[in-house]
PDB file of all heavy atoms in Angstrom:
ATOM      1  N   LEU A   1     -11.854  -7.364   8.301  1.00  0.00           N
ATOM      2  CA  LEU A   1     -11.661  -6.195   9.164  1.00  0.00           C
ATOM      3  C   LEU A   1     -10.945  -5.094   8.390  1.00  0.00           C
ATOM      4  O   LEU A   1     -11.292  -3.915   8.487  1.00  0.00           O
ATOM      5  CB  LEU A   1     -10.848  -6.586  10.397  1.00  0.00           C
ATOM      6  CG  LEU A   1     -10.435  -5.430  11.307  1.00  0.00           C
ATOM      7  CD1 LEU A   1     -11.649  -4.866  12.030  1.00  0.00           C
ATOM      8  CD2 LEU A   1      -9.357  -5.856  12.285  1.00  0.00           C
ATOM      9  N   LEU A   2      -9.937  -5.490   7.622  1.00  0.00           N
ATOM     10  CA  LEU A   2      -9.162  -4.561   6.798  1.00  0.00           C
ATOM     11  C   LEU A   2      -9.270  -4.994   5.345  1.00  0.00           C
ATOM     12  O   LEU A   2      -9.003  -6.155   5.020  1.00  0.00           O
ATOM     13  CB  LEU A   2      -7.698  -4.551   7.233  1.00  0.00           C
ATOM     14  CG  LEU A   2      -6.700  -3.828   6.312  1.00  0.00           C
ATOM     15  CD1 LEU A   2      -6.996  -2.339   6.259  1.00  0.00           C
ATOM     16  CD2 LEU A   2      -5.266  -4.081   6.772  1.00  0.00           C
ATOM     17  N   ASP A   3      -9.662  -4.064   4.497  1.00  0.00           N
ATOM     18  CA  ASP A   3      -9.802  -4.365   3.073  1.00  0.00           C
ATOM     19  C   ASP A   3      -9.135  -3.245   2.274  1.00  0.00           C
ATOM     20  O   ASP A   3      -9.570  -2.093   2.316  1.00  0.00           O
ATOM     21  CB  ASP A   3     -11.280  -4.469   2.707  1.00  0.00           C
ATOM     22  CG  ASP A   3     -11.494  -5.061   1.320  1.00  0.00           C
ATOM     23  OD1 ASP A   3     -10.509  -5.463   0.685  1.00  0.00           O
ATOM     24  OD2 ASP A   3     -12.666  -5.129   0.885  1.00  0.00           O
ATOM     25  N   VAL A   4      -8.061  -3.595   1.584  1.00  0.00           N
ATOM     26  CA  VAL A   4      -7.286  -2.641   0.785  1.00  0.00           C
ATOM     27  C   VAL A   4      -7.484  -2.973  -0.688  1.00  0.00           C
ATOM     28  O   VAL A   4      -7.320  -4.123  -1.101  1.00  0.00           O
ATOM     29  CB  VAL A   4      -5.789  -2.715   1.141  1.00  0.00           C
ATOM     30  CG1 VAL A   4      -4.963  -1.826   0.208  1.00  0.00           C
ATOM     31  CG2 VAL A   4      -5.562  -2.333   2.601  1.00  0.00           C
ATOM     32  N   THR A   5      -7.823  -1.955  -1.489  1.00  0.00           N
ATOM     33  CA  THR A   5      -8.086  -2.165  -2.914  1.00  0.00           C
ATOM     34  C   THR A   5      -7.406  -1.080  -3.743  1.00  0.00           C
ATOM     35  O   THR A   5      -7.598   0.115  -3.489  1.00  0.00           O
ATOM     36  CB  THR A   5      -9.601  -2.128  -3.207  1.00  0.00           C
ATOM     37  OG1 THR A   5     -10.281  -3.037  -2.336  1.00  0.00           O
ATOM     38  CG2 THR A   5      -9.879  -2.516  -4.649  1.00  0.00           C
ATOM     39  N   ASN A   6      -6.587  -1.515  -4.706  1.00  0.00           N
ATOM     40  CA  ASN A   6      -5.947  -0.599  -5.669  1.00  0.00           C
ATOM     41  C   ASN A   6      -5.274   0.590  -4.981  1.00  0.00           C
ATOM     42  O   ASN A   6      -5.402   1.742  -5.409  1.00  0.00           O
ATOM     43  CB  ASN A   6      -6.978  -0.103  -6.689  1.00  0.00           C
ATOM     44  CG  ASN A   6      -7.528  -1.223  -7.534  1.00  0.00           C
ATOM     45  OD1 ASN A   6      -6.811  -2.172  -7.858  1.00  0.00           O
ATOM     46  ND2 ASN A   6      -8.807  -1.147  -7.886  1.00  0.00           N
ATOM     47  N   LEU A   7      -4.517   0.306  -3.940  1.00  0.00           N
ATOM     48  CA  LEU A   7      -3.868   1.354  -3.140  1.00  0.00           C
ATOM     49  C   LEU A   7      -2.560   1.797  -3.786  1.00  0.00           C
ATOM     50  O   LEU A   7      -1.695   0.969  -4.090  1.00  0.00           O
ATOM     51  CB  LEU A   7      -3.603   0.834  -1.729  1.00  0.00           C
ATOM     52  CG  LEU A   7      -2.945   1.808  -0.757  1.00  0.00           C
ATOM     53  CD1 LEU A   7      -3.868   2.984  -0.464  1.00  0.00           C
ATOM     54  CD2 LEU A   7      -2.562   1.092   0.543  1.00  0.00           C
ATOM     55  N   GLN A   8      -2.428   3.110  -3.981  1.00  0.00           N
ATOM     56  CA  GLN A   8      -1.205   3.660  -4.553  1.00  0.00           C
ATOM     57  C   GLN A   8      -0.724   4.871  -3.741  1.00  0.00           C
ATOM     58  O   GLN A   8      -1.523   5.700  -3.306  1.00  0.00           O
ATOM     59  CB  GLN A   8      -1.425   4.107  -5.996  1.00  0.00           C
ATOM     60  CG  GLN A   8      -1.687   2.964  -6.963  1.00  0.00           C
ATOM     61  CD  GLN A   8      -1.750   3.436  -8.401  1.00  0.00           C
ATOM     62  OE1 GLN A   8      -2.184   4.546  -8.680  1.00  0.00           O
ATOM     63  NE2 GLN A   8      -1.300   2.604  -9.325  1.00  0.00           N
ATOM     64  N   LYS A   9       0.596   4.931  -3.571  1.00  0.00           N
ATOM     65  CA  LYS A   9       1.225   6.097  -2.946  1.00  0.00           C
ATOM     66  C   LYS A   9       2.596   6.287  -3.570  1.00  0.00           C
ATOM     67  O   LYS A   9       3.419   5.374  -3.616  1.00  0.00           O
ATOM     68  CB  LYS A   9       1.375   5.904  -1.428  1.00  0.00           C
ATOM     69  CG  LYS A   9       1.984   7.107  -0.725  1.00  0.00           C
ATOM     70  CD  LYS A   9       1.103   8.346  -0.824  1.00  0.00           C
ATOM     71  CE  LYS A   9       1.694   9.536  -0.068  1.00  0.00           C
ATOM     72  NZ  LYS A   9       0.847  10.740  -0.202  1.00  0.00           N
ATOM     73  N   SER A  10       2.853   7.492  -4.063  1.00  0.00           N
ATOM     74  CA  SER A  10       4.148   7.821  -4.659  1.00  0.00           C
ATOM     75  C   SER A  10       4.690   9.082  -4.003  1.00  0.00           C
ATOM     76  O   SER A  10       3.955   9.844  -3.365  1.00  0.00           O
ATOM     77  CB  SER A  10       4.001   8.029  -6.168  1.00  0.00           C
ATOM     78  OG  SER A  10       3.095   9.101  -6.430  1.00  0.00           O
ATOM     79  N   PHE A  11       5.981   9.280  -4.162  1.00  0.00           N
ATOM     80  CA  PHE A  11       6.643  10.473  -3.633  1.00  0.00           C
ATOM     81  C   PHE A  11       7.499  11.103  -4.726  1.00  0.00           C
ATOM     82  O   PHE A  11       8.017  10.406  -5.604  1.00  0.00           O
ATOM     83  CB  PHE A  11       7.521  10.126  -2.424  1.00  0.00           C
ATOM     84  CG  PHE A  11       6.748   9.672  -1.220  1.00  0.00           C
ATOM     85  CD1 PHE A  11       6.591   8.328  -0.942  1.00  0.00           C
ATOM     86  CD2 PHE A  11       6.153  10.599  -0.372  1.00  0.00           C
ATOM     87  CE1 PHE A  11       5.878   7.903   0.165  1.00  0.00           C
ATOM     88  CE2 PHE A  11       5.437  10.196   0.726  1.00  0.00           C
ATOM     89  CZ  PHE A  11       5.291   8.840   1.000  1.00  0.00           C
ATOM     90  N   VAL A  12       7.650  12.415  -4.647  1.00  0.00           N
ATOM     91  CA  VAL A  12       8.465  13.145  -5.613  1.00  0.00           C
ATOM     92  C   VAL A  12       9.803  13.480  -4.965  1.00  0.00           C
ATOM     93  O   VAL A  12       9.852  14.058  -3.875  1.00  0.00           O
ATOM     94  CB  VAL A  12       7.757  14.430  -6.072  1.00  0.00           C
ATOM     95  CG1 VAL A  12       8.645  15.203  -7.039  1.00  0.00           C
ATOM     96  CG2 VAL A  12       6.416  14.103  -6.717  1.00  0.00           C
ATOM     97  N   SER A  13      10.886  13.125  -5.630  1.00  0.00           N
ATOM     98  CA  SER A  13      12.227  13.391  -5.121  1.00  0.00           C
ATOM     99  C   SER A  13      12.573  14.860  -5.313  1.00  0.00           C
ATOM    100  O   SER A  13      11.900  15.587  -6.059  1.00  0.00           O
ATOM    101  CB  SER A  13      13.243  12.523  -5.867  1.00  0.00           C
ATOM    102  OG  SER A  13      13.414  13.014  -7.191  1.00  0.00           O
ATOM    103  N   PRO A  14      13.644  15.338  -4.654  1.00  0.00           N
ATOM    104  CA  PRO A  14      14.083  16.718  -4.861  1.00  0.00           C
ATOM    105  C   PRO A  14      14.400  17.032  -6.323  1.00  0.00           C
ATOM    106  O   PRO A  14      14.345  18.189  -6.741  1.00  0.00           O
ATOM    107  CB  PRO A  14      15.338  16.821  -3.984  1.00  0.00           C
ATOM    108  CG  PRO A  14      15.122  15.811  -2.907  1.00  0.00           C
ATOM    109  CD  PRO A  14      14.410  14.679  -3.581  1.00  0.00           C
ATOM    110  N   ASP A  15      14.726  15.987  -7.095  1.00  0.00           N
ATOM    111  CA  ASP A  15      15.023  16.180  -8.515  1.00  0.00           C
ATOM    112  C   ASP A  15      13.767  16.214  -9.374  1.00  0.00           C
ATOM    113  O   ASP A  15      13.839  16.418 -10.596  1.00  0.00           O
ATOM    114  CB  ASP A  15      15.936  15.056  -9.016  1.00  0.00           C
ATOM    115  CG  ASP A  15      17.281  15.053  -8.325  1.00  0.00           C
ATOM    116  OD1 ASP A  15      17.737  16.146  -7.934  1.00  0.00           O
ATOM    117  OD2 ASP A  15      17.866  13.977  -8.159  1.00  0.00           O
ATOM    118  N   GLY A  16      12.616  16.006  -8.748  1.00  0.00           N
ATOM    119  CA  GLY A  16      11.362  16.048  -9.487  1.00  0.00           C
ATOM    120  C   GLY A  16      10.898  14.714 -10.029  1.00  0.00           C
ATOM    121  O   GLY A  16       9.872  14.640 -10.709  1.00  0.00           O
ATOM    122  N   ASP A  17      11.644  13.642  -9.733  1.00  0.00           N
ATOM    123  CA  ASP A  17      11.247  12.311 -10.196  1.00  0.00           C
ATOM    124  C   ASP A  17      10.202  11.725  -9.250  1.00  0.00           C
ATOM    125  O   ASP A  17      10.346  11.797  -8.026  1.00  0.00           O
ATOM    126  CB  ASP A  17      12.458  11.376 -10.261  1.00  0.00           C
ATOM    127  CG  ASP A  17      13.488  11.836 -11.271  1.00  0.00           C
ATOM    128  OD1 ASP A  17      13.075  12.399 -12.303  1.00  0.00           O
ATOM    129  OD2 ASP A  17      14.697  11.646 -11.022  1.00  0.00           O
ATOM    130  N   ARG A  18       9.165  11.149  -9.812  1.00  0.00           N
ATOM    131  CA  ARG A  18       8.119  10.515  -9.010  1.00  0.00           C
ATOM    132  C   ARG A  18       8.395   9.016  -8.897  1.00  0.00           C
ATOM    133  O   ARG A  18       8.604   8.342  -9.902  1.00  0.00           O
ATOM    134  CB  ARG A  18       6.741  10.750  -9.614  1.00  0.00           C
ATOM    135  CG  ARG A  18       5.594  10.161  -8.789  1.00  0.00           C
ATOM    136  CD  ARG A  18       4.242  10.577  -9.305  1.00  0.00           C
ATOM    137  NE  ARG A  18       4.010  12.009  -9.125  1.00  0.00           N
ATOM    138  CZ  ARG A  18       3.569  12.553  -7.982  1.00  0.00           C
ATOM    139  NH1 ARG A  18       3.332  11.796  -6.933  1.00  0.00           N
ATOM    140  NH2 ARG A  18       3.379  13.853  -7.910  1.00  0.00           N
ATOM    141  N   THR A  19       8.393   8.515  -7.679  1.00  0.00           N
ATOM    142  CA  THR A  19       8.658   7.102  -7.425  1.00  0.00           C
ATOM    143  C   THR A  19       7.451   6.472  -6.746  1.00  0.00           C
ATOM    144  O   THR A  19       6.967   6.987  -5.728  1.00  0.00           O
ATOM    145  CB  THR A  19       9.896   6.930  -6.523  1.00  0.00           C
ATOM    146  OG1 THR A  19      11.023   7.527  -7.154  1.00  0.00           O
ATOM    147  CG2 THR A  19      10.181   5.459  -6.265  1.00  0.00           C
ATOM    148  N   MET A  20       6.970   5.368  -7.296  1.00  0.00           N
ATOM    149  CA  MET A  20       5.867   4.631  -6.704  1.00  0.00           C
ATOM    150  C   MET A  20       6.401   3.806  -5.532  1.00  0.00           C
ATOM    151  O   MET A  20       7.273   2.952  -5.723  1.00  0.00           O
ATOM    152  CB  MET A  20       5.203   3.729  -7.737  1.00  0.00           C
ATOM    153  CG  MET A  20       3.935   3.071  -7.262  1.00  0.00           C
ATOM    154  SD  MET A  20       2.551   4.228  -7.071  1.00  0.00           S
ATOM    155  CE  MET A  20       2.218   4.628  -8.795  1.00  0.00           C
ATOM    156  N   ILE A  21       5.892   4.056  -4.339  1.00  0.00           N
ATOM    157  CA  ILE A  21       6.351   3.350  -3.142  1.00  0.00           C
ATOM    158  C   ILE A  21       5.412   2.200  -2.796  1.00  0.00           C
ATOM    159  O   ILE A  21       5.858   1.096  -2.477  1.00  0.00           O
ATOM    160  CB  ILE A  21       6.454   4.310  -1.943  1.00  0.00           C
ATOM    161  CG1 ILE A  21       7.387   5.474  -2.279  1.00  0.00           C
ATOM    162  CG2 ILE A  21       6.935   3.575  -0.693  1.00  0.00           C
ATOM    163  CD1 ILE A  21       8.804   5.071  -2.578  1.00  0.00           C
ATOM    164  N   VAL A  22       4.133   2.471  -2.831  1.00  0.00           N
ATOM    165  CA  VAL A  22       3.130   1.445  -2.536  1.00  0.00           C
ATOM    166  C   VAL A  22       2.149   1.375  -3.698  1.00  0.00           C
ATOM    167  O   VAL A  22       1.615   2.396  -4.122  1.00  0.00           O
ATOM    168  CB  VAL A  22       2.376   1.758  -1.226  1.00  0.00           C
ATOM    169  CG1 VAL A  22       1.188   0.813  -1.042  1.00  0.00           C
ATOM    170  CG2 VAL A  22       3.312   1.679  -0.030  1.00  0.00           C
ATOM    171  N   ASP A  23       1.948   0.176  -4.207  1.00  0.00           N
ATOM    172  CA  ASP A  23       0.992  -0.048  -5.293  1.00  0.00           C
ATOM    173  C   ASP A  23       0.410  -1.449  -5.092  1.00  0.00           C
ATOM    174  O   ASP A  23       0.860  -2.418  -5.684  1.00  0.00           O
ATOM    175  CB  ASP A  23       1.698   0.079  -6.636  1.00  0.00           C
ATOM    176  CG  ASP A  23       0.717   0.165  -7.804  1.00  0.00           C
ATOM    177  OD1 ASP A  23      -0.460  -0.157  -7.595  1.00  0.00           O
ATOM    178  OD2 ASP A  23       1.150   0.553  -8.898  1.00  0.00           O
ATOM    179  N   VAL A  24      -0.564  -1.543  -4.208  1.00  0.00           N
ATOM    180  CA  VAL A  24      -1.108  -2.831  -3.769  1.00  0.00           C
ATOM    181  C   VAL A  24      -2.505  -3.027  -4.341  1.00  0.00           C
ATOM    182  O   VAL A  24      -3.438  -2.323  -3.939  1.00  0.00           O
ATOM    183  CB  VAL A  24      -1.137  -2.907  -2.227  1.00  0.00           C
ATOM    184  CG1 VAL A  24      -1.807  -4.199  -1.766  1.00  0.00           C
ATOM    185  CG2 VAL A  24       0.279  -2.811  -1.665  1.00  0.00           C
ATOM    186  N   PRO A  25      -2.677  -3.967  -5.264  1.00  0.00           N
ATOM    187  CA  PRO A  25      -4.008  -4.191  -5.844  1.00  0.00           C
ATOM    188  C   PRO A  25      -5.029  -4.685  -4.838  1.00  0.00           C
ATOM    189  O   PRO A  25      -6.192  -4.281  -4.863  1.00  0.00           O
ATOM    190  CB  PRO A  25      -3.742  -5.258  -6.915  1.00  0.00           C
ATOM    191  CG  PRO A  25      -2.279  -5.164  -7.205  1.00  0.00           C
ATOM    192  CD  PRO A  25      -1.640  -4.772  -5.918  1.00  0.00           C
ATOM    193  N   SER A  26      -4.601  -5.573  -3.901  1.00  0.00           N
ATOM    194  CA  SER A  26      -5.568  -6.157  -2.975  1.00  0.00           C
ATOM    195  C   SER A  26      -4.864  -6.706  -1.741  1.00  0.00           C
ATOM    196  O   SER A  26      -3.810  -7.350  -1.855  1.00  0.00           O
ATOM    197  CB  SER A  26      -6.341  -7.284  -3.672  1.00  0.00           C
ATOM    198  OG  SER A  26      -7.265  -7.888  -2.807  1.00  0.00           O
ATOM    199  N   PHE A  27      -5.452  -6.447  -0.580  1.00  0.00           N
ATOM    200  CA  PHE A  27      -4.944  -7.015   0.679  1.00  0.00           C
ATOM    201  C   PHE A  27      -6.088  -7.028   1.688  1.00  0.00           C
ATOM    202  O   PHE A  27      -6.791  -6.025   1.831  1.00  0.00           O
ATOM    203  CB  PHE A  27      -3.776  -6.198   1.233  1.00  0.00           C
ATOM    204  CG  PHE A  27      -3.229  -6.731   2.534  1.00  0.00           C
ATOM    205  CD1 PHE A  27      -2.332  -7.790   2.530  1.00  0.00           C
ATOM    206  CD2 PHE A  27      -3.612  -6.179   3.749  1.00  0.00           C
ATOM    207  CE1 PHE A  27      -1.832  -8.289   3.721  1.00  0.00           C
ATOM    208  CE2 PHE A  27      -3.118  -6.664   4.939  1.00  0.00           C
ATOM    209  CZ  PHE A  27      -2.214  -7.726   4.931  1.00  0.00           C
ATOM    210  N   GLN A  28      -6.276  -8.158   2.367  1.00  0.00           N
ATOM    211  CA  GLN A  28      -7.322  -8.268   3.376  1.00  0.00           C
ATOM    212  C   GLN A  28      -6.761  -8.873   4.665  1.00  0.00           C
ATOM    213  O   GLN A  28      -5.818  -9.681   4.630  1.00  0.00           O
ATOM    214  CB  GLN A  28      -8.488  -9.143   2.889  1.00  0.00           C
ATOM    215  CG  GLN A  28      -9.360  -8.528   1.817  1.00  0.00           C
ATOM    216  CD  GLN A  28      -8.759  -8.656   0.433  1.00  0.00           C
ATOM    217  OE1 GLN A  28      -8.134  -9.678   0.126  1.00  0.00           O
ATOM    218  NE2 GLN A  28      -8.932  -7.646  -0.396  1.00  0.00           N
ATOM    219  N   LEU A  29      -7.367  -8.477   5.766  1.00  0.00           N
ATOM    220  CA  LEU A  29      -7.026  -9.008   7.079  1.00  0.00           C
ATOM    221  C   LEU A  29      -8.333  -9.269   7.821  1.00  0.00           C
ATOM    222  O   LEU A  29      -9.187  -8.384   7.912  1.00  0.00           O
ATOM    223  CB  LEU A  29      -6.165  -7.997   7.854  1.00  0.00           C
ATOM    224  CG  LEU A  29      -5.704  -8.381   9.259  1.00  0.00           C
ATOM    225  CD1 LEU A  29      -4.672  -9.504   9.184  1.00  0.00           C
ATOM    226  CD2 LEU A  29      -5.093  -7.165   9.963  1.00  0.00           C
ATOM    227  N   ALA A  30      -8.492 -10.484   8.318  1.00  0.00           N
ATOM    228  CA  ALA A  30      -9.736 -10.852   8.989  1.00  0.00           C
ATOM    229  C   ALA A  30      -9.749 -10.369  10.437  1.00  0.00           C
ATOM    230  O   ALA A  30      -8.699 -10.093  11.032  1.00  0.00           O
ATOM    231  CB  ALA A  30      -9.921 -12.368   8.949  1.00  0.00           C
ATOM    232  N   ASP A  31     -10.910 -10.273  10.990  1.00  0.00           N
ATOM    233  CA  ASP A  31     -11.088  -9.889  12.383  1.00  0.00           C
ATOM    234  C   ASP A  31     -10.324 -10.860  13.282  1.00  0.00           C
ATOM    235  O   ASP A  31     -10.507 -12.079  13.200  1.00  0.00           O
ATOM    236  CB  ASP A  31     -12.584  -9.922  12.720  1.00  0.00           C
ATOM    237  CG  ASP A  31     -12.886  -9.310  14.075  1.00  0.00           C
ATOM    238  OD1 ASP A  31     -12.136  -8.430  14.520  1.00  0.00           O
ATOM    239  OD2 ASP A  31     -13.880  -9.729  14.699  1.00  0.00           O
ATOM    240  N   GLY A  32      -9.430 -10.332  14.119  1.00  0.00           N
ATOM    241  CA  GLY A  32      -8.662 -11.157  15.037  1.00  0.00           C
ATOM    242  C   GLY A  32      -7.456 -11.847  14.434  1.00  0.00           C
ATOM    243  O   GLY A  32      -6.681 -12.490  15.152  1.00  0.00           O
ATOM    244  N   GLU A  33      -7.246 -11.711  13.132  1.00  0.00           N
ATOM    245  CA  GLU A  33      -6.124 -12.377  12.468  1.00  0.00           C
ATOM    246  C   GLU A  33      -4.811 -11.676  12.777  1.00  0.00           C
ATOM    247  O   GLU A  33      -4.776 -10.473  13.020  1.00  0.00           O
ATOM    248  CB  GLU A  33      -6.366 -12.393  10.953  1.00  0.00           C
ATOM    249  CG  GLU A  33      -5.386 -13.267  10.180  1.00  0.00           C
ATOM    250  CD  GLU A  33      -5.686 -13.318   8.697  1.00  0.00           C
ATOM    251  OE1 GLU A  33      -6.528 -12.514   8.221  1.00  0.00           O
ATOM    252  OE2 GLU A  33      -5.106 -14.149   8.002  1.00  0.00           O
ATOM    253  N   GLN A  34      -3.712 -12.448  12.764  1.00  0.00           N
ATOM    254  CA  GLN A  34      -2.383 -11.892  12.977  1.00  0.00           C
ATOM    255  C   GLN A  34      -1.518 -12.208  11.769  1.00  0.00           C
ATOM    256  O   GLN A  34      -1.296 -13.375  11.432  1.00  0.00           O
ATOM    257  CB  GLN A  34      -1.762 -12.457  14.256  1.00  0.00           C
ATOM    258  CG  GLN A  34      -2.557 -12.102  15.508  1.00  0.00           C
ATOM    259  CD  GLN A  34      -1.821 -12.421  16.798  1.00  0.00           C
ATOM    260  OE1 GLN A  34      -0.725 -12.986  16.805  1.00  0.00           O
ATOM    261  NE2 GLN A  34      -2.425 -12.046  17.909  1.00  0.00           N
ATOM    262  N   VAL A  35      -1.029 -11.162  11.104  1.00  0.00           N
ATOM    263  CA  VAL A  35      -0.306 -11.310   9.845  1.00  0.00           C
ATOM    264  C   VAL A  35       0.970 -10.487   9.892  1.00  0.00           C
ATOM    265  O   VAL A  35       0.997  -9.369  10.411  1.00  0.00           O
ATOM    266  CB  VAL A  35      -1.181 -10.844   8.655  1.00  0.00           C
ATOM    267  CG1 VAL A  35      -0.401 -10.898   7.347  1.00  0.00           C
ATOM    268  CG2 VAL A  35      -2.438 -11.709   8.550  1.00  0.00           C
ATOM    269  N   ALA A  36       2.039 -11.057   9.339  1.00  0.00           N
ATOM    270  CA  ALA A  36       3.304 -10.337   9.207  1.00  0.00           C
ATOM    271  C   ALA A  36       3.539  -9.996   7.739  1.00  0.00           C
ATOM    272  O   ALA A  36       3.239 -10.794   6.846  1.00  0.00           O
ATOM    273  CB  ALA A  36       4.460 -11.185   9.727  1.00  0.00           C
ATOM    274  N   VAL A  37       4.056  -8.809   7.491  1.00  0.00           N
ATOM    275  CA  VAL A  37       4.450  -8.384   6.145  1.00  0.00           C
ATOM    276  C   VAL A  37       5.956  -8.161   6.155  1.00  0.00           C
ATOM    277  O   VAL A  37       6.477  -7.420   6.992  1.00  0.00           O
ATOM    278  CB  VAL A  37       3.719  -7.098   5.719  1.00  0.00           C
ATOM    279  CG1 VAL A  37       4.277  -6.581   4.394  1.00  0.00           C
ATOM    280  CG2 VAL A  37       2.223  -7.351   5.584  1.00  0.00           C
TER     281      VAL A  37
END
């Protein structure tokens, strides 16, 4: 149902530094499945 591949999200601080917050190579969730992170 959910298929995540090579997901990246970073944010830039007020000082201009970039920080990687999410960097997930792979994540799947089946139809009707219940998962906790």
